[in-house]
Amino acid sequence: FEQADVKIQYHTSSGRSSHTTTYFEGRMFVF
């Protein structure tokens, strides 16, 4: 097996404001 912590986000900014959406935050595995 393989495993790792992974954090995936999508960040947008319009100058005055910004927003971050977290798609995934946790552990990923391959068996």
PDB file of all heavy atoms in Angstrom:
ATOM      1  N   PHE A   1       0.829  -1.202   0.000  1.00  0.00           N
ATOM      2  CA  PHE A   1       0.000   0.000   0.000  1.00  0.00           C
ATOM      3  C   PHE A   1       0.865   1.254   0.000  1.00  0.00           C
ATOM      4  O   PHE A   1       2.044   1.232   0.368  1.00  0.00           O
ATOM      5  CB  PHE A   1      -0.931   0.017   1.224  1.00  0.00           C
ATOM      6  CG  PHE A   1      -0.215   0.206   2.540  1.00  0.00           C
ATOM      7  CD1 PHE A   1       0.040   1.479   3.052  1.00  0.00           C
ATOM      8  CD2 PHE A   1       0.205  -0.888   3.280  1.00  0.00           C
ATOM      9  CE1 PHE A   1       0.699   1.653   4.251  1.00  0.00           C
ATOM     10  CE2 PHE A   1       0.867  -0.727   4.484  1.00  0.00           C
ATOM     11  CZ  PHE A   1       1.111   0.545   4.975  1.00  0.00           C
ATOM     12  N   GLU A   2       0.240   2.341  -0.417  1.00  0.00           N
ATOM     13  CA  GLU A   2       0.822   3.672  -0.306  1.00  0.00           C
ATOM     14  C   GLU A   2      -0.231   4.579   0.331  1.00  0.00           C
ATOM     15  O   GLU A   2      -1.425   4.366   0.159  1.00  0.00           O
ATOM     16  CB  GLU A   2       1.196   4.231  -1.672  1.00  0.00           C
ATOM     17  CG  GLU A   2       2.240   3.429  -2.424  1.00  0.00           C
ATOM     18  CD  GLU A   2       2.416   3.951  -3.838  1.00  0.00           C
ATOM     19  OE1 GLU A   2       3.249   4.855  -4.042  1.00  0.00           O
ATOM     20  OE2 GLU A   2       1.697   3.454  -4.729  1.00  0.00           O
ATOM     21  N   GLN A   3       0.228   5.583   1.062  1.00  0.00           N
ATOM     22  CA  GLN A   3      -0.705   6.535   1.648  1.00  0.00           C
ATOM     23  C   GLN A   3      -0.016   7.879   1.820  1.00  0.00           C
ATOM     24  O   GLN A   3       1.204   7.967   1.905  1.00  0.00           O
ATOM     25  CB  GLN A   3      -1.228   6.052   2.991  1.00  0.00           C
ATOM     26  CG  GLN A   3      -0.353   6.359   4.198  1.00  0.00           C
ATOM     27  CD  GLN A   3      -0.964   7.427   5.106  1.00  0.00           C
ATOM     28  OE1 GLN A   3      -2.060   7.260   5.622  1.00  0.00           O
ATOM     29  NE2 GLN A   3      -0.244   8.516   5.346  1.00  0.00           N
ATOM     30  N   ALA A   4      -0.809   8.951   1.859  1.00  0.00           N
ATOM     31  CA  ALA A   4      -0.291  10.288   2.117  1.00  0.00           C
ATOM     32  C   ALA A   4      -1.442  11.198   2.522  1.00  0.00           C
ATOM     33  O   ALA A   4      -2.599  10.958   2.160  1.00  0.00           O
ATOM     34  CB  ALA A   4       0.413  10.858   0.877  1.00  0.00           C
ATOM     35  N   ASP A   5      -1.130  12.216   3.291  1.00  0.00           N
ATOM     36  CA  ASP A   5      -2.097  13.283   3.563  1.00  0.00           C
ATOM     37  C   ASP A   5      -2.178  14.170   2.326  1.00  0.00           C
ATOM     38  O   ASP A   5      -1.147  14.511   1.728  1.00  0.00           O
ATOM     39  CB  ASP A   5      -1.658  14.138   4.752  1.00  0.00           C
ATOM     40  CG  ASP A   5      -1.878  13.436   6.084  1.00  0.00           C
ATOM     41  OD1 ASP A   5      -2.648  12.462   6.113  1.00  0.00           O
ATOM     42  OD2 ASP A   5      -1.287  13.850   7.086  1.00  0.00           O
ATOM     43  N   VAL A   6      -3.392  14.557   1.960  1.00  0.00           N
ATOM     44  CA  VAL A   6      -3.595  15.397   0.777  1.00  0.00           C
ATOM     45  C   VAL A   6      -4.610  16.486   1.109  1.00  0.00           C
ATOM     46  O   VAL A   6      -5.631  16.214   1.747  1.00  0.00           O
ATOM     47  CB  VAL A   6      -4.094  14.568  -0.424  1.00  0.00           C
ATOM     48  CG1 VAL A   6      -4.429  15.474  -1.609  1.00  0.00           C
ATOM     49  CG2 VAL A   6      -3.054  13.533  -0.838  1.00  0.00           C
ATOM     50  N   LYS A   7      -4.320  17.698   0.654  1.00  0.00           N
ATOM     51  CA  LYS A   7      -5.255  18.816   0.799  1.00  0.00           C
ATOM     52  C   LYS A   7      -5.405  19.497  -0.550  1.00  0.00           C
ATOM     53  O   LYS A   7      -4.433  19.958  -1.146  1.00  0.00           O
ATOM     54  CB  LYS A   7      -4.752  19.817   1.838  1.00  0.00           C
ATOM     55  CG  LYS A   7      -5.746  20.928   2.168  1.00  0.00           C
ATOM     56  CD  LYS A   7      -5.219  21.794   3.312  1.00  0.00           C
ATOM     57  CE  LYS A   7      -6.225  22.855   3.731  1.00  0.00           C
ATOM     58  NZ  LYS A   7      -5.722  23.666   4.877  1.00  0.00           N
ATOM     59  N   ILE A   8      -6.653  19.548  -1.048  1.00  0.00           N
ATOM     60  CA  ILE A   8      -6.940  20.130  -2.358  1.00  0.00           C
ATOM     61  C   ILE A   8      -7.944  21.266  -2.175  1.00  0.00           C
ATOM     62  O   ILE A   8      -9.010  21.066  -1.584  1.00  0.00           O
ATOM     63  CB  ILE A   8      -7.509  19.074  -3.317  1.00  0.00           C
ATOM     64  CG1 ILE A   8      -6.529  17.906  -3.468  1.00  0.00           C
ATOM     65  CG2 ILE A   8      -7.806  19.689  -4.682  1.00  0.00           C
ATOM     66  CD1 ILE A   8      -7.097  16.731  -4.236  1.00  0.00           C
ATOM     67  N   GLN A   9      -7.614  22.444  -2.705  1.00  0.00           N
ATOM     68  CA  GLN A   9      -8.486  23.604  -2.567  1.00  0.00           C
ATOM     69  C   GLN A   9      -8.595  24.351  -3.886  1.00  0.00           C
ATOM     70  O   GLN A   9      -7.724  24.241  -4.759  1.00  0.00           O
ATOM     71  CB  GLN A   9      -7.948  24.557  -1.489  1.00  0.00           C
ATOM     72  CG  GLN A   9      -7.930  23.982  -0.093  1.00  0.00           C
ATOM     73  CD  GLN A   9      -7.331  24.949   0.925  1.00  0.00           C
ATOM     74  OE1 GLN A   9      -6.267  25.520   0.688  1.00  0.00           O
ATOM     75  NE2 GLN A   9      -8.012  25.125   2.045  1.00  0.00           N
ATOM     76  N   TYR A  10      -9.680  25.118  -3.994  1.00  0.00           N
ATOM     77  CA  TYR A  10      -9.848  26.021  -5.134  1.00  0.00           C
ATOM     78  C   TYR A  10     -10.021  27.431  -4.581  1.00  0.00           C
ATOM     79  O   TYR A  10     -10.957  27.704  -3.820  1.00  0.00           O
ATOM     80  CB  TYR A  10     -11.056  25.620  -5.972  1.00  0.00           C
ATOM     81  CG  TYR A  10     -11.175  26.435  -7.243  1.00  0.00           C
ATOM     82  CD1 TYR A  10     -10.362  26.161  -8.336  1.00  0.00           C
ATOM     83  CD2 TYR A  10     -12.089  27.482  -7.333  1.00  0.00           C
ATOM     84  CE1 TYR A  10     -10.455  26.914  -9.494  1.00  0.00           C
ATOM     85  CE2 TYR A  10     -12.193  28.227  -8.489  1.00  0.00           C
ATOM     86  CZ  TYR A  10     -11.373  27.945  -9.574  1.00  0.00           C
ATOM     87  OH  TYR A  10     -11.469  28.698 -10.714  1.00  0.00           O
ATOM     88  N   HIS A  11      -9.097  28.315  -4.984  1.00  0.00           N
ATOM     89  CA  HIS A  11      -9.078  29.672  -4.447  1.00  0.00           C
ATOM     90  C   HIS A  11      -9.412  30.675  -5.550  1.00  0.00           C
ATOM     91  O   HIS A  11      -8.873  30.603  -6.657  1.00  0.00           O
ATOM     92  CB  HIS A  11      -7.692  29.991  -3.869  1.00  0.00           C
ATOM     93  CG  HIS A  11      -7.577  31.382  -3.329  1.00  0.00           C
ATOM     94  ND1 HIS A  11      -8.095  31.750  -2.105  1.00  0.00           N
ATOM     95  CD2 HIS A  11      -7.005  32.506  -3.846  1.00  0.00           C
ATOM     96  CE1 HIS A  11      -7.850  33.031  -1.884  1.00  0.00           C
ATOM     97  NE2 HIS A  11      -7.189  33.507  -2.924  1.00  0.00           N
ATOM     98  N   THR A  12     -10.321  31.593  -5.230  1.00  0.00           N
ATOM     99  CA  THR A  12     -10.666  32.666  -6.153  1.00  0.00           C
ATOM    100  C   THR A  12     -10.504  34.003  -5.446  1.00  0.00           C
ATOM    101  O   THR A  12     -10.685  34.108  -4.229  1.00  0.00           O
ATOM    102  CB  THR A  12     -12.125  32.529  -6.634  1.00  0.00           C
ATOM    103  OG1 THR A  12     -13.010  32.533  -5.503  1.00  0.00           O
ATOM    104  CG2 THR A  12     -12.307  31.255  -7.423  1.00  0.00           C
ATOM    105  N   SER A  13     -10.172  35.022  -6.225  1.00  0.00           N
ATOM    106  CA  SER A  13     -10.008  36.363  -5.669  1.00  0.00           C
ATOM    107  C   SER A  13     -10.482  37.382  -6.690  1.00  0.00           C
ATOM    108  O   SER A  13     -10.171  37.281  -7.887  1.00  0.00           O
ATOM    109  CB  SER A  13      -8.533  36.620  -5.328  1.00  0.00           C
ATOM    110  OG  SER A  13      -8.354  37.938  -4.848  1.00  0.00           O
ATOM    111  N   SER A  14     -11.241  38.351  -6.190  1.00  0.00           N
ATOM    112  CA  SER A  14     -11.768  39.397  -7.073  1.00  0.00           C
ATOM    113  C   SER A  14     -11.182  40.770  -6.743  1.00  0.00           C
ATOM    114  O   SER A  14     -11.721  41.785  -7.149  1.00  0.00           O
ATOM    115  CB  SER A  14     -13.301  39.456  -6.945  1.00  0.00           C
ATOM    116  OG  SER A  14     -13.683  39.762  -5.616  1.00  0.00           O
ATOM    117  N   GLY A  15     -10.080  40.777  -5.998  1.00  0.00           N
ATOM    118  CA  GLY A  15      -9.466  42.041  -5.615  1.00  0.00           C
ATOM    119  C   GLY A  15      -9.899  42.471  -4.228  1.00  0.00           C
ATOM    120  O   GLY A  15      -9.092  42.548  -3.301  1.00  0.00           O
ATOM    121  N   ARG A  16     -11.184  42.757  -4.062  1.00  0.00           N
ATOM    122  CA  ARG A  16     -11.687  43.165  -2.750  1.00  0.00           C
ATOM    123  C   ARG A  16     -11.947  41.975  -1.832  1.00  0.00           C
ATOM    124  O   ARG A  16     -11.875  42.102  -0.615  1.00  0.00           O
ATOM    125  CB  ARG A  16     -12.981  43.959  -2.921  1.00  0.00           C
ATOM    126  CG  ARG A  16     -12.790  45.339  -3.522  1.00  0.00           C
ATOM    127  CD  ARG A  16     -14.110  46.111  -3.502  1.00  0.00           C
ATOM    128  NE  ARG A  16     -13.940  47.472  -3.984  1.00  0.00           N
ATOM    129  CZ  ARG A  16     -14.915  48.365  -4.010  1.00  0.00           C
ATOM    130  NH1 ARG A  16     -16.142  48.017  -3.610  1.00  0.00           N
ATOM    131  NH2 ARG A  16     -14.689  49.575  -4.467  1.00  0.00           N
ATOM    132  N   SER A  17     -12.283  40.851  -2.389  1.00  0.00           N
ATOM    133  CA  SER A  17     -12.599  39.689  -1.572  1.00  0.00           C
ATOM    134  C   SER A  17     -12.001  38.437  -2.194  1.00  0.00           C
ATOM    135  O   SER A  17     -11.656  38.408  -3.369  1.00  0.00           O
ATOM    136  CB  SER A  17     -14.113  39.528  -1.429  1.00  0.00           C
ATOM    137  OG  SER A  17     -14.710  39.293  -2.699  1.00  0.00           O
ATOM    138  N   SER A  18     -11.886  37.422  -1.376  1.00  0.00           N
ATOM    139  CA  SER A  18     -11.372  36.142  -1.865  1.00  0.00           C
ATOM    140  C   SER A  18     -12.155  35.014  -1.193  1.00  0.00           C
ATOM    141  O   SER A  18     -12.737  35.201  -0.121  1.00  0.00           O
ATOM    142  CB  SER A  18      -9.879  35.998  -1.570  1.00  0.00           C
ATOM    143  OG  SER A  18      -9.649  36.034  -0.167  1.00  0.00           O
ATOM    144  N   HIS A  19     -12.147  33.864  -1.842  1.00  0.00           N
ATOM    145  CA  HIS A  19     -12.887  32.715  -1.309  1.00  0.00           C
ATOM    146  C   HIS A  19     -12.106  31.445  -1.610  1.00  0.00           C
ATOM    147  O   HIS A  19     -11.564  31.279  -2.704  1.00  0.00           O
ATOM    148  CB  HIS A  19     -14.280  32.630  -1.935  1.00  0.00           C
ATOM    149  CG  HIS A  19     -15.077  31.469  -1.449  1.00  0.00           C
ATOM    150  ND1 HIS A  19     -15.615  31.414  -0.183  1.00  0.00           N
ATOM    151  CD2 HIS A  19     -15.422  30.303  -2.068  1.00  0.00           C
ATOM    152  CE1 HIS A  19     -16.264  30.284  -0.032  1.00  0.00           C
ATOM    153  NE2 HIS A  19     -16.167  29.582  -1.158  1.00  0.00           N
ATOM    154  N   THR A  20     -12.060  30.565  -0.629  1.00  0.00           N
ATOM    155  CA  THR A  20     -11.366  29.292  -0.794  1.00  0.00           C
ATOM    156  C   THR A  20     -12.321  28.150  -0.499  1.00  0.00           C
ATOM    157  O   THR A  20     -12.934  28.104   0.570  1.00  0.00           O
ATOM    158  CB  THR A  20     -10.147  29.192   0.138  1.00  0.00           C
ATOM    159  OG1 THR A  20      -9.242  30.261  -0.141  1.00  0.00           O
ATOM    160  CG2 THR A  20      -9.429  27.870  -0.059  1.00  0.00           C
ATOM    161  N   THR A  21     -12.458  27.228  -1.434  1.00  0.00           N
ATOM    162  CA  THR A  21     -13.275  26.033  -1.260  1.00  0.00           C
ATOM    163  C   THR A  21     -12.355  24.827  -1.117  1.00  0.00           C
ATOM    164  O   THR A  21     -11.490  24.599  -1.963  1.00  0.00           O
ATOM    165  CB  THR A  21     -14.208  25.817  -2.467  1.00  0.00           C
ATOM    166  OG1 THR A  21     -15.053  26.951  -2.627  1.00  0.00           O
ATOM    167  CG2 THR A  21     -15.063  24.577  -2.273  1.00  0.00           C
ATOM    168  N   THR A  22     -12.523  24.083  -0.038  1.00  0.00           N
ATOM    169  CA  THR A  22     -11.721  22.885   0.175  1.00  0.00           C
ATOM    170  C   THR A  22     -12.427  21.694  -0.458  1.00  0.00           C
ATOM    171  O   THR A  22     -13.516  21.309  -0.032  1.00  0.00           O
ATOM    172  CB  THR A  22     -11.496  22.633   1.680  1.00  0.00           C
ATOM    173  OG1 THR A  22     -10.795  23.743   2.247  1.00  0.00           O
ATOM    174  CG2 THR A  22     -10.678  21.370   1.892  1.00  0.00           C
ATOM    175  N   TYR A  23     -11.808  21.128  -1.482  1.00  0.00           N
ATOM    176  CA  TYR A  23     -12.368  19.963  -2.153  1.00  0.00           C
ATOM    177  C   TYR A  23     -12.136  18.689  -1.336  1.00  0.00           C
ATOM    178  O   TYR A  23     -13.025  17.838  -1.220  1.00  0.00           O
ATOM    179  CB  TYR A  23     -11.739  19.779  -3.531  1.00  0.00           C
ATOM    180  CG  TYR A  23     -12.168  20.774  -4.578  1.00  0.00           C
ATOM    181  CD1 TYR A  23     -11.546  20.805  -5.825  1.00  0.00           C
ATOM    182  CD2 TYR A  23     -13.200  21.681  -4.343  1.00  0.00           C
ATOM    183  CE1 TYR A  23     -11.938  21.704  -6.807  1.00  0.00           C
ATOM    184  CE2 TYR A  23     -13.595  22.590  -5.314  1.00  0.00           C
ATOM    185  CZ  TYR A  23     -12.962  22.602  -6.543  1.00  0.00           C
ATOM    186  OH  TYR A  23     -13.349  23.496  -7.506  1.00  0.00           O
ATOM    187  N   PHE A  24     -10.920  18.571  -0.817  1.00  0.00           N
ATOM    188  CA  PHE A  24     -10.555  17.360  -0.083  1.00  0.00           C
ATOM    189  C   PHE A  24      -9.486  17.711   0.942  1.00  0.00           C
ATOM    190  O   PHE A  24      -8.554  18.459   0.648  1.00  0.00           O
ATOM    191  CB  PHE A  24     -10.021  16.287  -1.037  1.00  0.00           C
ATOM    192  CG  PHE A  24      -9.658  14.982  -0.365  1.00  0.00           C
ATOM    193  CD1 PHE A  24     -10.578  13.950  -0.292  1.00  0.00           C
ATOM    194  CD2 PHE A  24      -8.406  14.796   0.206  1.00  0.00           C
ATOM    195  CE1 PHE A  24     -10.250  12.749   0.330  1.00  0.00           C
ATOM    196  CE2 PHE A  24      -8.071  13.610   0.825  1.00  0.00           C
ATOM    197  CZ  PHE A  24      -8.995  12.580   0.891  1.00  0.00           C
ATOM    198  N   GLU A  25      -9.612  17.140   2.141  1.00  0.00           N
ATOM    199  CA  GLU A  25      -8.575  17.279   3.160  1.00  0.00           C
ATOM    200  C   GLU A  25      -8.609  16.031   4.032  1.00  0.00           C
ATOM    201  O   GLU A  25      -9.546  15.803   4.788  1.00  0.00           O
ATOM    202  CB  GLU A  25      -8.784  18.525   4.018  1.00  0.00           C
ATOM    203  CG  GLU A  25      -7.657  18.740   5.032  1.00  0.00           C
ATOM    204  CD  GLU A  25      -7.819  20.019   5.831  1.00  0.00           C
ATOM    205  OE1 GLU A  25      -8.864  20.692   5.673  1.00  0.00           O
ATOM    206  OE2 GLU A  25      -6.915  20.345   6.614  1.00  0.00           O
ATOM    207  N   GLY A  26      -7.615  15.210   3.881  1.00  0.00           N
ATOM    208  CA  GLY A  26      -7.580  13.965   4.638  1.00  0.00           C
ATOM    209  C   GLY A  26      -6.489  13.043   4.120  1.00  0.00           C
ATOM    210  O   GLY A  26      -5.420  13.498   3.717  1.00  0.00           O
ATOM    211  N   ARG A  27      -6.772  11.749   4.100  1.00  0.00           N
ATOM    212  CA  ARG A  27      -5.779  10.750   3.720  1.00  0.00           C
ATOM    213  C   ARG A  27      -6.209  10.042   2.434  1.00  0.00           C
ATOM    214  O   ARG A  27      -7.376   9.708   2.251  1.00  0.00           O
ATOM    215  CB  ARG A  27      -5.615   9.715   4.832  1.00  0.00           C
ATOM    216  CG  ARG A  27      -5.150  10.319   6.125  1.00  0.00           C
ATOM    217  CD  ARG A  27      -5.228   9.338   7.290  1.00  0.00           C
ATOM    218  NE  ARG A  27      -4.242   8.271   7.200  1.00  0.00           N
ATOM    219  CZ  ARG A  27      -4.077   7.341   8.131  1.00  0.00           C
ATOM    220  NH1 ARG A  27      -4.856   7.325   9.196  1.00  0.00           N
ATOM    221  NH2 ARG A  27      -3.149   6.409   7.995  1.00  0.00           N
ATOM    222  N   MET A  28      -5.221   9.826   1.561  1.00  0.00           N
ATOM    223  CA  MET A  28      -5.450   9.055   0.345  1.00  0.00           C
ATOM    224  C   MET A  28      -4.573   7.813   0.369  1.00  0.00           C
ATOM    225  O   MET A  28      -3.436   7.850   0.845  1.00  0.00           O
ATOM    226  CB  MET A  28      -5.160   9.898  -0.899  1.00  0.00           C
ATOM    227  CG  MET A  28      -6.213  10.954  -1.165  1.00  0.00           C
ATOM    228  SD  MET A  28      -6.002  11.745  -2.776  1.00  0.00           S
ATOM    229  CE  MET A  28      -7.494  12.772  -2.828  1.00  0.00           C
ATOM    230  N   PHE A  29      -5.118   6.705  -0.159  1.00  0.00           N
ATOM    231  CA  PHE A  29      -4.453   5.408  -0.127  1.00  0.00           C
ATOM    232  C   PHE A  29      -4.510   4.752  -1.506  1.00  0.00           C
ATOM    233  O   PHE A  29      -5.454   4.959  -2.258  1.00  0.00           O
ATOM    234  CB  PHE A  29      -5.132   4.465   0.869  1.00  0.00           C
ATOM    235  CG  PHE A  29      -5.320   5.025   2.246  1.00  0.00           C
ATOM    236  CD1 PHE A  29      -6.401   5.853   2.536  1.00  0.00           C
ATOM    237  CD2 PHE A  29      -4.424   4.719   3.273  1.00  0.00           C
ATOM    238  CE1 PHE A  29      -6.592   6.362   3.804  1.00  0.00           C
ATOM    239  CE2 PHE A  29      -4.612   5.227   4.546  1.00  0.00           C
ATOM    240  CZ  PHE A  29      -5.688   6.048   4.816  1.00  0.00           C
ATOM    241  N   VAL A  30      -3.499   3.939  -1.764  1.00  0.00           N
ATOM    242  CA  VAL A  30      -3.494   3.088  -2.955  1.00  0.00           C
ATOM    243  C   VAL A  30      -3.108   1.690  -2.494  1.00  0.00           C
ATOM    244  O   VAL A  30      -2.053   1.497  -1.884  1.00  0.00           O
ATOM    245  CB  VAL A  30      -2.500   3.574  -4.031  1.00  0.00           C
ATOM    246  CG1 VAL A  30      -2.608   2.688  -5.267  1.00  0.00           C
ATOM    247  CG2 VAL A  30      -2.750   5.025  -4.394  1.00  0.00           C
ATOM    248  N   PHE A  31      -3.959   0.695  -2.790  1.00  0.00           N
ATOM    249  CA  PHE A  31      -3.719  -0.696  -2.405  1.00  0.00           C
ATOM    250  C   PHE A  31      -3.631  -1.566  -3.650  1.00  0.00           C
ATOM    251  O   PHE A  31      -4.392  -1.384  -4.596  1.00  0.00           O
ATOM    252  CB  PHE A  31      -4.841  -1.218  -1.496  1.00  0.00           C
ATOM    253  CG  PHE A  31      -5.007  -0.434  -0.231  1.00  0.00           C
ATOM    254  CD1 PHE A  31      -5.909   0.620  -0.172  1.00  0.00           C
ATOM    255  CD2 PHE A  31      -4.278  -0.753   0.901  1.00  0.00           C
ATOM    256  CE1 PHE A  31      -6.075   1.349   0.989  1.00  0.00           C
ATOM    257  CE2 PHE A  31      -4.438  -0.030   2.072  1.00  0.00           C
ATOM    258  CZ  PHE A  31      -5.338   1.026   2.115  1.00  0.00           C
TER     259      PHE A  31
END
